[in-house]
Amino acid sequence: VALHPFLSDHAIEGVPYHPGVMALEMFAENALLLRPSACLAGFEKVSFGLPVKLMKGAMTVRIHAELIRSDGEMSWIECRLLSDLKNSKGEHFGEREHHKAIVRVVERREDLGPFLQSEVDSLPQLGTPALGELAELPSFIYRRYFHGPRFQSHGGVLRGVGDESMPGADGIALMRHQLPLIDQFTLESEGEVVLLEALPMLIEAGFQNAGLVAMESEGFSSLPVGIQWSTMLRVPEKNEVLRMRSLRTAVEDAGITVHDVVIVGDDDAPVLALKGLRLKSMAPVAPEDAFTLDR
């Protein structure tokens, strides 16, 4: 936590949880070590399993990354976040798998047009998030969420969208330098620049927006357990205002809701999208925190 202050702002009842989006960032960085001539395209078959909880101080985890397929410019790299199982004597007797995903990377080229077109063709068709004034401020969201200021990447609700069968919400997504506190890593408070590959706080904003919709429609707070597919189309400009839309596309057994998310920039063109984001209900919402968005 001393080196990664964001962990203290991603804690439940005082216990820091390593965020799923930071696991995705670790996967992306390791995949690019295997394919240094490539850039990140997105993820598929993401599964968030056993949480990484920092119960007793520091914990050692590792990434296992394996190239599983290549096709033309594209490569697929399977990544797993692992920790060691130890007995009372400190002896290793196995490993624990926490999260896994397949990272999609594409070779760097002058003309990525054909690749980008194929990504755009695969986007969820959600329409364009609204422009306008906020209907609900970030304080509305973080009264209901456990996230501290280094992980508050939702900039407020613009409006409810969709209908009863497919409810959704439009909101503002914040980049790392737009967060209420921007020193996610101790290095940054010491003046060093930390650049991340996977735009994890934008993915987190999508999680939180979808979670708000699930909270409204199902009456439960929830945590992400998987993503079917995602794409990252470009890195936004520093001063852009990013808008997002998420729609709940399905409700499954065992308290699972399924959502699609798109984040767009000032030009309304997509920056990032998630298809098949799966959230699992964890706890009922207190009566005083229940709400209905105007649609």
C-alpha atoms as a PDB file:
ATOM      1  CA  VAL A   1       0.000   0.000   0.000  1.00  0.00           C
ATOM      2  CA  ALA A   2       2.949   2.317   0.674  1.00  0.00           C
ATOM      3  CA  LEU A   3       3.974   2.078  -3.002  1.00  0.00           C
ATOM      4  CA  HIS A   4       0.429   1.833  -4.378  1.00  0.00           C
ATOM      5  CA  PRO A   5      -1.793   4.357  -2.555  1.00  0.00           C
ATOM      6  CA  PHE A   6      -4.736   3.477  -4.818  1.00  0.00           C
ATOM      7  CA  LEU A   7      -5.092   0.260  -2.775  1.00  0.00           C
ATOM      8  CA  SER A   8      -6.158   2.269   0.275  1.00  0.00           C
ATOM      9  CA  ASP A   9      -8.949   3.782  -1.862  1.00  0.00           C
ATOM     10  CA  HIS A  10     -10.114   0.351  -3.043  1.00  0.00           C
ATOM     11  CA  ALA A  11     -10.780  -1.151   0.380  1.00  0.00           C
ATOM     12  CA  ILE A  12     -13.867  -2.851   1.794  1.00  0.00           C
ATOM     13  CA  GLU A  13     -14.278  -2.498   5.565  1.00  0.00           C
ATOM     14  CA  GLY A  14     -10.654  -1.414   5.793  1.00  0.00           C
ATOM     15  CA  VAL A  15      -9.221  -4.359   3.808  1.00  0.00           C
ATOM     16  CA  PRO A  16      -7.501  -3.302   0.549  1.00  0.00           C
ATOM     17  CA  TYR A  17      -8.595  -5.296  -2.519  1.00  0.00           C
ATOM     18  CA  HIS A  18      -6.385  -5.294  -5.604  1.00  0.00           C
ATOM     19  CA  PRO A  19      -8.714  -3.865  -8.289  1.00  0.00           C
ATOM     20  CA  GLY A  20      -9.693  -6.005 -11.265  1.00  0.00           C
ATOM     21  CA  VAL A  21      -8.825  -3.173 -13.652  1.00  0.00           C
ATOM     22  CA  MET A  22      -5.272  -3.092 -12.294  1.00  0.00           C
ATOM     23  CA  ALA A  23      -5.050  -6.839 -12.971  1.00  0.00           C
ATOM     24  CA  LEU A  24      -6.043  -6.038 -16.573  1.00  0.00           C
ATOM     25  CA  GLU A  25      -3.271  -3.423 -16.676  1.00  0.00           C
ATOM     26  CA  MET A  26      -0.779  -6.045 -15.456  1.00  0.00           C
ATOM     27  CA  PHE A  27      -2.029  -8.448 -18.137  1.00  0.00           C
ATOM     28  CA  ALA A  28      -1.614  -5.799 -20.852  1.00  0.00           C
ATOM     29  CA  GLU A  29       1.927  -4.893 -19.786  1.00  0.00           C
ATOM     30  CA  ASN A  30       2.995  -8.549 -19.666  1.00  0.00           C
ATOM     31  CA  ALA A  31       1.392  -9.317 -23.039  1.00  0.00           C
ATOM     32  CA  LEU A  32       3.314  -6.436 -24.617  1.00  0.00           C
ATOM     33  CA  LEU A  33       6.560  -7.856 -23.213  1.00  0.00           C
ATOM     34  CA  LEU A  34       5.845 -10.964 -25.311  1.00  0.00           C
ATOM     35  CA  ARG A  35       4.922  -8.835 -28.334  1.00  0.00           C
ATOM     36  CA  PRO A  36       7.013  -5.629 -27.991  1.00  0.00           C
ATOM     37  CA  SER A  37       6.272  -4.586 -31.589  1.00  0.00           C
ATOM     38  CA  ALA A  38       2.521  -4.542 -30.884  1.00  0.00           C
ATOM     39  CA  CYS A  39       0.026  -2.273 -29.150  1.00  0.00           C
ATOM     40  CA  LEU A  40      -2.965  -3.178 -27.022  1.00  0.00           C
ATOM     41  CA  ALA A  41      -6.226  -3.867 -28.854  1.00  0.00           C
ATOM     42  CA  GLY A  42      -8.371  -5.088 -25.971  1.00  0.00           C
ATOM     43  CA  PHE A  43      -9.361  -8.095 -23.906  1.00  0.00           C
ATOM     44  CA  GLU A  44     -11.637 -11.092 -24.207  1.00  0.00           C
ATOM     45  CA  LYS A  45     -12.846 -13.908 -21.957  1.00  0.00           C
ATOM     46  CA  VAL A  46     -11.997 -11.923 -18.819  1.00  0.00           C
ATOM     47  CA  SER A  47     -12.775 -13.738 -15.574  1.00  0.00           C
ATOM     48  CA  PHE A  48     -12.407 -12.075 -12.175  1.00  0.00           C
ATOM     49  CA  GLY A  49     -12.240 -14.873  -9.615  1.00  0.00           C
ATOM     50  CA  LEU A  50     -10.761 -14.972  -6.122  1.00  0.00           C
ATOM     51  CA  PRO A  51     -10.059 -11.415  -4.968  1.00  0.00           C
ATOM     52  CA  VAL A  52      -6.527 -10.395  -4.002  1.00  0.00           C
ATOM     53  CA  LYS A  53      -7.038  -9.155  -0.432  1.00  0.00           C
ATOM     54  CA  LEU A  54      -4.210  -7.551   1.529  1.00  0.00           C
ATOM     55  CA  MET A  55      -5.106  -8.958   4.935  1.00  0.00           C
ATOM     56  CA  LYS A  56      -1.605  -8.994   6.477  1.00  0.00           C
ATOM     57  CA  GLY A  57       0.486  -6.394   4.711  1.00  0.00           C
ATOM     58  CA  ALA A  58       2.333  -7.091   1.466  1.00  0.00           C
ATOM     59  CA  MET A  59       1.375 -10.007  -0.766  1.00  0.00           C
ATOM     60  CA  THR A  60       3.347 -11.429  -3.695  1.00  0.00           C
ATOM     61  CA  VAL A  61       1.478 -12.165  -6.915  1.00  0.00           C
ATOM     62  CA  ARG A  62       2.730 -12.996 -10.386  1.00  0.00           C
ATOM     63  CA  ILE A  63       1.476 -12.995 -13.952  1.00  0.00           C
ATOM     64  CA  HIS A  64       1.688 -16.056 -16.195  1.00  0.00           C
ATOM     65  CA  ALA A  65       1.456 -14.939 -19.844  1.00  0.00           C
ATOM     66  CA  GLU A  66       1.383 -17.311 -22.821  1.00  0.00           C
ATOM     67  CA  LEU A  67       1.022 -16.601 -26.533  1.00  0.00           C
ATOM     68  CA  ILE A  68      -1.827 -18.873 -27.656  1.00  0.00           C
ATOM     69  CA  ARG A  69      -2.624 -17.680 -31.190  1.00  0.00           C
ATOM     70  CA  SER A  70      -1.496 -15.361 -33.979  1.00  0.00           C
ATOM     71  CA  ASP A  71      -3.393 -14.435 -37.125  1.00  0.00           C
ATOM     72  CA  GLY A  72      -1.896 -11.816 -39.434  1.00  0.00           C
ATOM     73  CA  GLU A  73      -1.370  -8.615 -37.458  1.00  0.00           C
ATOM     74  CA  MET A  74      -3.209  -9.908 -34.378  1.00  0.00           C
ATOM     75  CA  SER A  75      -1.956 -11.999 -31.458  1.00  0.00           C
ATOM     76  CA  TRP A  76      -3.847 -13.435 -28.503  1.00  0.00           C
ATOM     77  CA  ILE A  77      -2.014 -13.852 -25.178  1.00  0.00           C
ATOM     78  CA  GLU A  78      -3.587 -15.698 -22.261  1.00  0.00           C
ATOM     79  CA  CYS A  79      -2.737 -14.177 -18.878  1.00  0.00           C
ATOM     80  CA  ARG A  80      -3.397 -15.384 -15.345  1.00  0.00           C
ATOM     81  CA  LEU A  81      -2.834 -13.635 -12.007  1.00  0.00           C
ATOM     82  CA  LEU A  82      -1.477 -16.163  -9.514  1.00  0.00           C
ATOM     83  CA  SER A  83      -0.351 -16.327  -5.900  1.00  0.00           C
ATOM     84  CA  ASP A  84       1.365 -19.118  -3.977  1.00  0.00           C
ATOM     85  CA  LEU A  85      -0.337 -21.367  -1.454  1.00  0.00           C
ATOM     86  CA  LYS A  86       1.799 -21.825   1.660  1.00  0.00           C
ATOM     87  CA  ASN A  87       1.434 -23.976   4.747  1.00  0.00           C
ATOM     88  CA  SER A  88       2.007 -22.834   8.328  1.00  0.00           C
ATOM     89  CA  LYS A  89       5.765 -23.374   7.874  1.00  0.00           C
ATOM     90  CA  GLY A  90       5.860 -21.063   4.879  1.00  0.00           C
ATOM     91  CA  GLU A  91       6.387 -23.938   2.431  1.00  0.00           C
ATOM     92  CA  HIS A  92       4.775 -23.693  -1.008  1.00  0.00           C
ATOM     93  CA  PHE A  93       2.303 -26.440  -1.872  1.00  0.00           C
ATOM     94  CA  GLY A  94       0.563 -25.039  -4.928  1.00  0.00           C
ATOM     95  CA  GLU A  95      -0.782 -21.914  -6.541  1.00  0.00           C
ATOM     96  CA  ARG A  96      -4.020 -19.969  -6.435  1.00  0.00           C
ATOM     97  CA  GLU A  97      -5.519 -18.465  -9.601  1.00  0.00           C
ATOM     98  CA  HIS A  98      -7.230 -15.125  -9.029  1.00  0.00           C
ATOM     99  CA  HIS A  99      -8.080 -13.634 -12.428  1.00  0.00           C
ATOM    100  CA  LYS A 100      -7.537 -14.534 -16.072  1.00  0.00           C
ATOM    101  CA  ALA A 101      -8.059 -12.979 -19.488  1.00  0.00           C
ATOM    102  CA  ILE A 102      -6.968 -13.159 -23.090  1.00  0.00           C
ATOM    103  CA  VAL A 103      -5.166  -9.993 -24.207  1.00  0.00           C
ATOM    104  CA  ARG A 104      -5.570  -8.989 -27.849  1.00  0.00           C
ATOM    105  CA  VAL A 105      -2.646  -7.081 -29.380  1.00  0.00           C
ATOM    106  CA  VAL A 106      -2.079  -5.733 -32.901  1.00  0.00           C
ATOM    107  CA  GLU A 107       1.231  -4.995 -34.629  1.00  0.00           C
ATOM    108  CA  ARG A 108       2.078  -1.288 -34.835  1.00  0.00           C
ATOM    109  CA  ARG A 109       1.602  -0.010 -38.403  1.00  0.00           C
ATOM    110  CA  GLU A 110       1.403   3.362 -40.155  1.00  0.00           C
ATOM    111  CA  ASP A 111      -2.101   2.444 -41.313  1.00  0.00           C
ATOM    112  CA  LEU A 112      -4.210   0.700 -38.689  1.00  0.00           C
ATOM    113  CA  GLY A 113      -7.363   1.600 -40.639  1.00  0.00           C
ATOM    114  CA  PRO A 114      -8.499  -1.951 -41.498  1.00  0.00           C
ATOM    115  CA  PHE A 115      -7.931  -3.128 -37.924  1.00  0.00           C
ATOM    116  CA  LEU A 116      -9.768  -0.129 -36.454  1.00  0.00           C
ATOM    117  CA  GLN A 117     -12.668  -0.642 -38.860  1.00  0.00           C
ATOM    118  CA  SER A 118     -13.033  -4.272 -37.783  1.00  0.00           C
ATOM    119  CA  GLU A 119     -13.021  -3.154 -34.126  1.00  0.00           C
ATOM    120  CA  VAL A 120     -15.669  -0.499 -34.800  1.00  0.00           C
ATOM    121  CA  ASP A 121     -17.793  -3.100 -36.601  1.00  0.00           C
ATOM    122  CA  SER A 122     -17.684  -5.244 -33.437  1.00  0.00           C
ATOM    123  CA  LEU A 123     -18.768  -2.462 -31.061  1.00  0.00           C
ATOM    124  CA  PRO A 124     -22.017  -2.818 -29.115  1.00  0.00           C
ATOM    125  CA  GLN A 125     -24.687  -0.638 -30.737  1.00  0.00           C
ATOM    126  CA  LEU A 126     -25.708   1.608 -27.863  1.00  0.00           C
ATOM    127  CA  GLY A 127     -26.097   5.007 -29.541  1.00  0.00           C
ATOM    128  CA  THR A 128     -24.233   8.137 -28.441  1.00  0.00           C
ATOM    129  CA  PRO A 129     -24.164   9.237 -24.783  1.00  0.00           C
ATOM    130  CA  ALA A 130     -26.005  12.467 -24.064  1.00  0.00           C
ATOM    131  CA  LEU A 131     -24.499  15.923 -23.802  1.00  0.00           C
ATOM    132  CA  GLY A 132     -25.649  18.333 -21.142  1.00  0.00           C
ATOM    133  CA  GLU A 133     -25.675  19.070 -17.444  1.00  0.00           C
ATOM    134  CA  LEU A 134     -25.233  16.421 -14.765  1.00  0.00           C
ATOM    135  CA  ALA A 135     -28.417  14.972 -13.331  1.00  0.00           C
ATOM    136  CA  GLU A 136     -26.479  13.542 -10.356  1.00  0.00           C
ATOM    137  CA  LEU A 137     -23.079  14.642  -9.017  1.00  0.00           C
ATOM    138  CA  PRO A 138     -20.268  12.189  -8.183  1.00  0.00           C
ATOM    139  CA  SER A 139     -21.204  12.539  -4.499  1.00  0.00           C
ATOM    140  CA  PHE A 140     -24.507  10.773  -5.346  1.00  0.00           C
ATOM    141  CA  ILE A 141     -22.501   7.755  -6.554  1.00  0.00           C
ATOM    142  CA  TYR A 142     -19.804   7.630  -3.881  1.00  0.00           C
ATOM    143  CA  ARG A 143     -22.316   7.854  -1.068  1.00  0.00           C
ATOM    144  CA  ARG A 144     -23.279   4.371  -2.286  1.00  0.00           C
ATOM    145  CA  TYR A 145     -19.843   3.028  -3.308  1.00  0.00           C
ATOM    146  CA  PHE A 146     -16.759   2.128  -1.241  1.00  0.00           C
ATOM    147  CA  HIS A 147     -14.254   3.760  -3.632  1.00  0.00           C
ATOM    148  CA  GLY A 148     -11.971   6.488  -2.282  1.00  0.00           C
ATOM    149  CA  PRO A 149     -10.782   9.555  -4.256  1.00  0.00           C
ATOM    150  CA  ARG A 150      -7.996   7.764  -6.180  1.00  0.00           C
ATOM    151  CA  PHE A 151     -10.596   5.367  -7.588  1.00  0.00           C
ATOM    152  CA  GLN A 152     -13.534   7.724  -8.144  1.00  0.00           C
ATOM    153  CA  SER A 153     -13.497   7.643 -11.946  1.00  0.00           C
ATOM    154  CA  HIS A 154     -17.223   8.324 -12.363  1.00  0.00           C
ATOM    155  CA  GLY A 155     -17.736  12.024 -12.983  1.00  0.00           C
ATOM    156  CA  GLY A 156     -21.496  12.019 -12.453  1.00  0.00           C
ATOM    157  CA  VAL A 157     -24.729  10.844 -14.089  1.00  0.00           C
ATOM    158  CA  LEU A 158     -25.994  12.699 -17.158  1.00  0.00           C
ATOM    159  CA  ARG A 159     -29.324  10.863 -17.392  1.00  0.00           C
ATOM    160  CA  GLY A 160     -31.037   7.509 -17.353  1.00  0.00           C
ATOM    161  CA  VAL A 161     -31.483   5.851 -20.759  1.00  0.00           C
ATOM    162  CA  GLY A 162     -33.153   2.760 -22.173  1.00  0.00           C
ATOM    163  CA  ASP A 163     -36.355   1.293 -20.762  1.00  0.00           C
ATOM    164  CA  GLU A 164     -37.544  -1.172 -18.143  1.00  0.00           C
ATOM    165  CA  SER A 165     -36.390  -4.205 -20.144  1.00  0.00           C
ATOM    166  CA  MET A 166     -32.982  -2.701 -20.985  1.00  0.00           C
ATOM    167  CA  PRO A 167     -32.219   0.095 -18.509  1.00  0.00           C
ATOM    168  CA  GLY A 168     -29.062   2.139 -18.740  1.00  0.00           C
ATOM    169  CA  ALA A 169     -27.367   5.385 -17.829  1.00  0.00           C
ATOM    170  CA  ASP A 170     -25.172   8.038 -19.408  1.00  0.00           C
ATOM    171  CA  GLY A 171     -22.364   9.527 -17.353  1.00  0.00           C
ATOM    172  CA  ILE A 172     -18.958  11.189 -17.356  1.00  0.00           C
ATOM    173  CA  ALA A 173     -15.847   8.967 -17.328  1.00  0.00           C
ATOM    174  CA  LEU A 174     -12.704  10.395 -15.739  1.00  0.00           C
ATOM    175  CA  MET A 175      -9.140   9.666 -16.828  1.00  0.00           C
ATOM    176  CA  ARG A 176      -6.407   9.185 -14.222  1.00  0.00           C
ATOM    177  CA  HIS A 177      -5.302  12.830 -14.293  1.00  0.00           C
ATOM    178  CA  GLN A 178      -8.933  13.947 -13.768  1.00  0.00           C
ATOM    179  CA  LEU A 179      -9.508  11.975 -10.547  1.00  0.00           C
ATOM    180  CA  PRO A 180     -10.105  13.810  -7.234  1.00  0.00           C
ATOM    181  CA  LEU A 181      -6.664  12.510  -6.119  1.00  0.00           C
ATOM    182  CA  ILE A 182      -4.218  11.636  -8.887  1.00  0.00           C
ATOM    183  CA  ASP A 183      -1.295  10.051  -7.007  1.00  0.00           C
ATOM    184  CA  GLN A 184      -2.309   6.426  -7.539  1.00  0.00           C
ATOM    185  CA  PHE A 185       1.362   5.405  -7.307  1.00  0.00           C
ATOM    186  CA  THR A 186       3.876   6.785  -4.783  1.00  0.00           C
ATOM    187  CA  LEU A 187       6.276   7.465  -7.679  1.00  0.00           C
ATOM    188  CA  GLU A 188       3.826  10.084  -8.961  1.00  0.00           C
ATOM    189  CA  SER A 189       3.853  12.057  -5.723  1.00  0.00           C
ATOM    190  CA  GLU A 190       7.663  12.027  -6.065  1.00  0.00           C
ATOM    191  CA  GLY A 191       7.431  13.706  -9.466  1.00  0.00           C
ATOM    192  CA  GLU A 192       7.801  10.671 -11.729  1.00  0.00           C
ATOM    193  CA  VAL A 193       5.402   9.990 -14.597  1.00  0.00           C
ATOM    194  CA  VAL A 194       3.574   6.648 -14.602  1.00  0.00           C
ATOM    195  CA  LEU A 195       1.981   5.711 -17.921  1.00  0.00           C
ATOM    196  CA  LEU A 196      -0.484   2.831 -18.087  1.00  0.00           C
ATOM    197  CA  GLU A 197      -1.384   0.790 -21.172  1.00  0.00           C
ATOM    198  CA  ALA A 198      -4.976  -0.331 -20.655  1.00  0.00           C
ATOM    199  CA  LEU A 199      -6.769   2.909 -19.605  1.00  0.00           C
ATOM    200  CA  PRO A 200      -7.804   1.087 -16.408  1.00  0.00           C
ATOM    201  CA  MET A 201      -9.693   4.013 -14.893  1.00  0.00           C
ATOM    202  CA  LEU A 202     -11.916   4.266 -17.963  1.00  0.00           C
ATOM    203  CA  ILE A 203     -12.694   0.550 -17.680  1.00  0.00           C
ATOM    204  CA  GLU A 204     -13.383   1.184 -13.982  1.00  0.00           C
ATOM    205  CA  ALA A 205     -15.740   4.047 -14.886  1.00  0.00           C
ATOM    206  CA  GLY A 206     -17.641   1.619 -17.113  1.00  0.00           C
ATOM    207  CA  PHE A 207     -17.846  -0.881 -14.251  1.00  0.00           C
ATOM    208  CA  GLN A 208     -19.147   1.783 -11.881  1.00  0.00           C
ATOM    209  CA  ASN A 209     -21.716   3.113 -14.359  1.00  0.00           C
ATOM    210  CA  ALA A 210     -23.056  -0.380 -15.048  1.00  0.00           C
ATOM    211  CA  GLY A 211     -23.036  -1.063 -11.310  1.00  0.00           C
ATOM    212  CA  LEU A 212     -25.199   1.992 -10.744  1.00  0.00           C
ATOM    213  CA  VAL A 213     -27.739   0.696 -13.280  1.00  0.00           C
ATOM    214  CA  ALA A 214     -27.732  -2.729 -11.583  1.00  0.00           C
ATOM    215  CA  MET A 215     -28.142  -1.032  -8.206  1.00  0.00           C
ATOM    216  CA  GLU A 216     -31.180   0.844  -9.507  1.00  0.00           C
ATOM    217  CA  SER A 217     -32.827  -2.049 -11.363  1.00  0.00           C
ATOM    218  CA  GLU A 218     -31.971  -4.988  -9.074  1.00  0.00           C
ATOM    219  CA  GLY A 219     -31.654  -3.272  -5.696  1.00  0.00           C
ATOM    220  CA  PHE A 220     -28.204  -4.777  -5.088  1.00  0.00           C
ATOM    221  CA  SER A 221     -24.646  -3.514  -5.082  1.00  0.00           C
ATOM    222  CA  SER A 222     -22.456  -5.704  -7.274  1.00  0.00           C
ATOM    223  CA  LEU A 223     -18.890  -6.462  -8.332  1.00  0.00           C
ATOM    224  CA  PRO A 224     -17.553  -7.351 -11.806  1.00  0.00           C
ATOM    225  CA  VAL A 225     -16.927 -11.053 -12.456  1.00  0.00           C
ATOM    226  CA  GLY A 226     -16.180 -11.042 -16.190  1.00  0.00           C
ATOM    227  CA  ILE A 227     -16.037  -9.321 -19.580  1.00  0.00           C
ATOM    228  CA  GLN A 228     -16.778 -11.128 -22.836  1.00  0.00           C
ATOM    229  CA  TRP A 229     -14.885  -8.679 -25.084  1.00  0.00           C
ATOM    230  CA  SER A 230     -13.390  -5.198 -24.970  1.00  0.00           C
ATOM    231  CA  THR A 231     -11.638  -2.798 -27.306  1.00  0.00           C
ATOM    232  CA  MET A 232      -9.439   0.255 -26.822  1.00  0.00           C
ATOM    233  CA  LEU A 233      -9.532   2.390 -29.954  1.00  0.00           C
ATOM    234  CA  ARG A 234      -7.398   5.386 -28.982  1.00  0.00           C
ATOM    235  CA  VAL A 235      -5.821   7.257 -26.086  1.00  0.00           C
ATOM    236  CA  PRO A 236      -7.918  10.366 -25.353  1.00  0.00           C
ATOM    237  CA  GLU A 237      -6.486  13.873 -25.403  1.00  0.00           C
ATOM    238  CA  LYS A 238      -5.587  15.251 -21.990  1.00  0.00           C
ATOM    239  CA  ASN A 239      -8.350  17.883 -21.908  1.00  0.00           C
ATOM    240  CA  GLU A 240     -11.164  15.789 -23.387  1.00  0.00           C
ATOM    241  CA  VAL A 241     -14.449  15.304 -21.577  1.00  0.00           C
ATOM    242  CA  LEU A 242     -15.383  11.645 -21.984  1.00  0.00           C
ATOM    243  CA  ARG A 243     -18.995  10.472 -21.884  1.00  0.00           C
ATOM    244  CA  MET A 244     -20.167   6.911 -21.372  1.00  0.00           C
ATOM    245  CA  ARG A 245     -23.310   4.877 -21.807  1.00  0.00           C
ATOM    246  CA  SER A 246     -24.057   1.474 -20.358  1.00  0.00           C
ATOM    247  CA  LEU A 247     -27.131  -0.689 -20.943  1.00  0.00           C
ATOM    248  CA  ARG A 248     -28.177  -3.778 -19.003  1.00  0.00           C
ATOM    249  CA  THR A 249     -28.697  -6.354 -21.747  1.00  0.00           C
ATOM    250  CA  ALA A 250     -29.602  -9.433 -19.679  1.00  0.00           C
ATOM    251  CA  VAL A 251     -30.343 -10.739 -16.198  1.00  0.00           C
ATOM    252  CA  GLU A 252     -29.117 -14.265 -15.440  1.00  0.00           C
ATOM    253  CA  ASP A 253     -29.413 -16.689 -12.544  1.00  0.00           C
ATOM    254  CA  ALA A 254     -27.371 -16.300  -9.354  1.00  0.00           C
ATOM    255  CA  GLY A 255     -27.696 -12.519  -9.278  1.00  0.00           C
ATOM    256  CA  ILE A 256     -25.754 -11.856 -12.495  1.00  0.00           C
ATOM    257  CA  THR A 257     -26.524  -8.847 -14.687  1.00  0.00           C
ATOM    258  CA  VAL A 258     -24.945  -8.381 -18.126  1.00  0.00           C
ATOM    259  CA  HIS A 259     -24.094  -4.953 -19.533  1.00  0.00           C
ATOM    260  CA  ASP A 260     -22.575  -3.319 -22.619  1.00  0.00           C
ATOM    261  CA  VAL A 261     -20.590  -0.087 -22.250  1.00  0.00           C
ATOM    262  CA  VAL A 262     -19.229   2.509 -24.674  1.00  0.00           C
ATOM    263  CA  ILE A 263     -17.084   5.573 -23.863  1.00  0.00           C
ATOM    264  CA  VAL A 264     -16.798   8.388 -26.413  1.00  0.00           C
ATOM    265  CA  GLY A 265     -14.686  11.526 -26.717  1.00  0.00           C
ATOM    266  CA  ASP A 266     -15.405  15.134 -27.639  1.00  0.00           C
ATOM    267  CA  ASP A 267     -15.969  14.115 -31.276  1.00  0.00           C
ATOM    268  CA  ASP A 268     -18.537  11.445 -30.251  1.00  0.00           C
ATOM    269  CA  ALA A 269     -16.183   8.778 -31.651  1.00  0.00           C
ATOM    270  CA  PRO A 270     -15.650   5.710 -29.450  1.00  0.00           C
ATOM    271  CA  VAL A 271     -12.578   5.512 -27.219  1.00  0.00           C
ATOM    272  CA  LEU A 272     -13.272   2.249 -25.401  1.00  0.00           C
ATOM    273  CA  ALA A 273     -16.053  -0.336 -25.239  1.00  0.00           C
ATOM    274  CA  LEU A 274     -16.988  -3.384 -23.173  1.00  0.00           C
ATOM    275  CA  LYS A 275     -19.316  -6.151 -24.367  1.00  0.00           C
ATOM    276  CA  GLY A 276     -20.794  -8.677 -21.996  1.00  0.00           C
ATOM    277  CA  LEU A 277     -19.652  -7.082 -18.724  1.00  0.00           C
ATOM    278  CA  ARG A 278     -20.976  -9.392 -16.022  1.00  0.00           C
ATOM    279  CA  LEU A 279     -21.739  -8.074 -12.542  1.00  0.00           C
ATOM    280  CA  LYS A 280     -22.647 -10.263  -9.567  1.00  0.00           C
ATOM    281  CA  SER A 281     -24.968  -9.034  -6.819  1.00  0.00           C
ATOM    282  CA  MET A 282     -23.198  -8.866  -3.468  1.00  0.00           C
ATOM    283  CA  ALA A 283     -25.434  -7.038  -0.979  1.00  0.00           C
ATOM    284  CA  PRO A 284     -28.875  -5.392  -0.948  1.00  0.00           C
ATOM    285  CA  VAL A 285     -29.001  -1.615  -1.218  1.00  0.00           C
ATOM    286  CA  ALA A 286     -30.129   0.136   1.960  1.00  0.00           C
ATOM    287  CA  PRO A 287     -33.643   1.601   1.609  1.00  0.00           C
ATOM    288  CA  GLU A 288     -32.328   5.157   1.995  1.00  0.00           C
ATOM    289  CA  ASP A 289     -29.919   4.575  -0.927  1.00  0.00           C
ATOM    290  CA  ALA A 290     -32.513   3.230  -3.384  1.00  0.00           C
ATOM    291  CA  PHE A 291     -33.153   5.517  -6.366  1.00  0.00           C
ATOM    292  CA  THR A 292     -34.757   5.750  -9.812  1.00  0.00           C
ATOM    293  CA  LEU A 293     -33.161   7.667 -12.689  1.00  0.00           C
ATOM    294  CA  ASP A 294     -35.360   9.732 -15.008  1.00  0.00           C
ATOM    295  CA  ARG A 295     -35.655   8.177 -18.483  1.00  0.00           C
END
